[in-house]
């Protein structure tokens, strides 16, 4: 049975892996940056009830802060797991799907 190929002749598994890796990287980037710039911003000065750099939303709407914090952390962790799994499970393969021999100093010189 022939494997379906994409437009460029790559196996569809390779294309799927490539786009999943791109999507997981995008999610990791967005969630990482959202942790440093939370919705509502951060306090700019230190007073008795908050410190500079703390999220404003934590003081104004604590339930919304919890939803943001846990969903952002979950999305970040899941995207990292997907990235690691794709990189580990893909491994180095040749065109026929057979694993390539590991690189050693002898194979690099030869």
Protein backbone atom coordinates (compact mmCIF):
# COMPACT_ATOMS: atom_id res chain seq x y z
CA UNK A 1 0.00 0.00 0.00
CA UNK A 2 1.45 3.36 -1.04
CA UNK A 3 1.81 6.12 1.52
CA UNK A 4 0.13 9.42 0.71
CA UNK A 5 2.58 12.16 -0.13
CA UNK A 6 2.33 15.91 0.33
CA UNK A 7 2.82 18.42 -2.49
CA UNK A 8 6.62 18.40 -2.12
CA UNK A 9 6.90 14.61 -2.08
CA UNK A 10 7.34 14.32 1.70
CA UNK A 11 5.44 11.63 3.57
CA UNK A 12 2.32 12.99 5.27
CA UNK A 13 3.71 11.98 8.69
CA UNK A 14 6.66 14.29 8.14
CA UNK A 15 4.39 17.18 7.19
CA UNK A 16 2.14 16.56 10.18
CA UNK A 17 5.15 16.42 12.51
CA UNK A 18 6.53 19.62 11.01
CA UNK A 19 3.29 21.56 11.50
CA UNK A 20 2.72 20.19 15.01
CA UNK A 21 6.21 21.28 15.96
CA UNK A 22 5.55 24.73 14.53
CA UNK A 23 2.25 25.03 16.39
CA UNK A 24 3.72 23.79 19.68
CA UNK A 25 6.59 26.27 19.36
CA UNK A 26 4.16 29.09 18.71
CA UNK A 27 2.06 28.15 21.76
CA UNK A 28 5.17 27.94 23.96
CA UNK A 29 6.32 31.36 22.77
CA UNK A 30 2.96 33.04 23.33
CA UNK A 31 2.39 31.52 26.76
CA UNK A 32 5.94 32.32 27.87
CA UNK A 33 5.54 35.96 26.88
CA UNK A 34 2.06 36.15 28.43
CA UNK A 35 3.53 35.14 31.78
CA UNK A 36 5.75 38.24 31.71
CA UNK A 37 3.00 40.56 30.51
CA UNK A 38 -0.24 39.33 32.15
CA UNK A 39 -3.63 40.81 31.22
CA UNK A 40 -4.14 44.09 33.03
CA UNK A 41 -0.41 44.70 33.36
CA UNK A 42 1.78 44.75 36.45
CA UNK A 43 2.17 47.17 39.34
CA UNK A 44 4.87 49.76 38.64
CA UNK A 45 5.56 50.72 42.24
CA UNK A 46 5.68 49.07 45.65
CA UNK A 47 3.10 49.98 48.28
CA UNK A 48 1.80 48.32 51.44
CA UNK A 49 -0.63 45.97 49.62
CA UNK A 50 1.43 44.99 46.53
CA UNK A 51 4.96 44.77 45.14
CA UNK A 52 6.25 46.23 41.90
CA UNK A 53 6.00 43.60 39.15
CA UNK A 54 3.05 41.74 40.66
CA UNK A 55 0.05 41.27 38.32
CA UNK A 56 -2.70 43.85 38.81
CA UNK A 57 -5.40 41.30 37.98
CA UNK A 58 -4.44 39.28 41.07
CA UNK A 59 -5.67 42.13 43.29
CA UNK A 60 -8.63 43.24 41.18
CA UNK A 61 -10.14 39.89 40.09
CA UNK A 62 -8.57 36.89 41.74
CA UNK A 63 -10.76 34.21 40.04
CA UNK A 64 -9.81 35.56 36.60
CA UNK A 65 -6.17 35.55 37.64
CA UNK A 66 -6.41 31.89 38.65
CA UNK A 67 -8.03 30.95 35.34
CA UNK A 68 -5.33 32.80 33.42
CA UNK A 69 -2.49 31.42 35.52
CA UNK A 70 -3.54 27.76 35.37
CA UNK A 71 -4.58 27.76 31.70
CA UNK A 72 -1.37 29.56 30.68
CA UNK A 73 0.81 27.19 32.71
CA UNK A 74 -1.03 24.14 31.34
CA UNK A 75 -0.71 25.30 27.73
CA UNK A 76 2.99 26.02 28.22
CA UNK A 77 3.69 22.64 29.81
CA UNK A 78 1.68 20.76 27.17
CA UNK A 79 3.46 22.53 24.33
CA UNK A 80 6.85 21.65 25.82
CA UNK A 81 5.80 18.01 26.18
CA UNK A 82 4.66 17.93 22.53
CA UNK A 83 7.93 19.50 21.36
CA UNK A 84 10.03 17.00 23.30
CA UNK A 85 7.95 14.03 22.16
CA UNK A 86 8.10 15.05 18.51
CA UNK A 87 11.86 15.56 18.67
CA UNK A 88 12.49 12.28 20.49
CA UNK A 89 10.11 10.11 18.49
CA UNK A 90 11.00 11.49 15.08
CA UNK A 91 14.67 10.51 15.29
CA UNK A 92 17.00 10.52 12.35
CA UNK A 93 15.49 8.49 9.47
CA UNK A 94 16.45 8.11 5.84
CA UNK A 95 14.03 8.35 2.91
CA UNK A 96 12.83 4.75 3.25
CA UNK A 97 11.95 5.19 6.93
CA UNK A 98 14.90 3.16 8.20
CA UNK A 99 16.87 4.62 11.10
CA UNK A 100 20.23 6.08 10.16
CA UNK A 101 23.29 4.72 11.96
CA UNK A 102 24.44 6.90 14.86
CA UNK A 103 27.08 9.48 14.10
CA UNK A 104 30.51 8.57 15.37
CA UNK A 105 33.93 10.05 14.84
CA UNK A 106 34.73 7.26 12.36
CA UNK A 107 31.66 7.96 10.20
CA UNK A 108 32.35 11.70 10.24
CA UNK A 109 35.94 11.22 9.04
CA UNK A 110 35.08 8.65 6.37
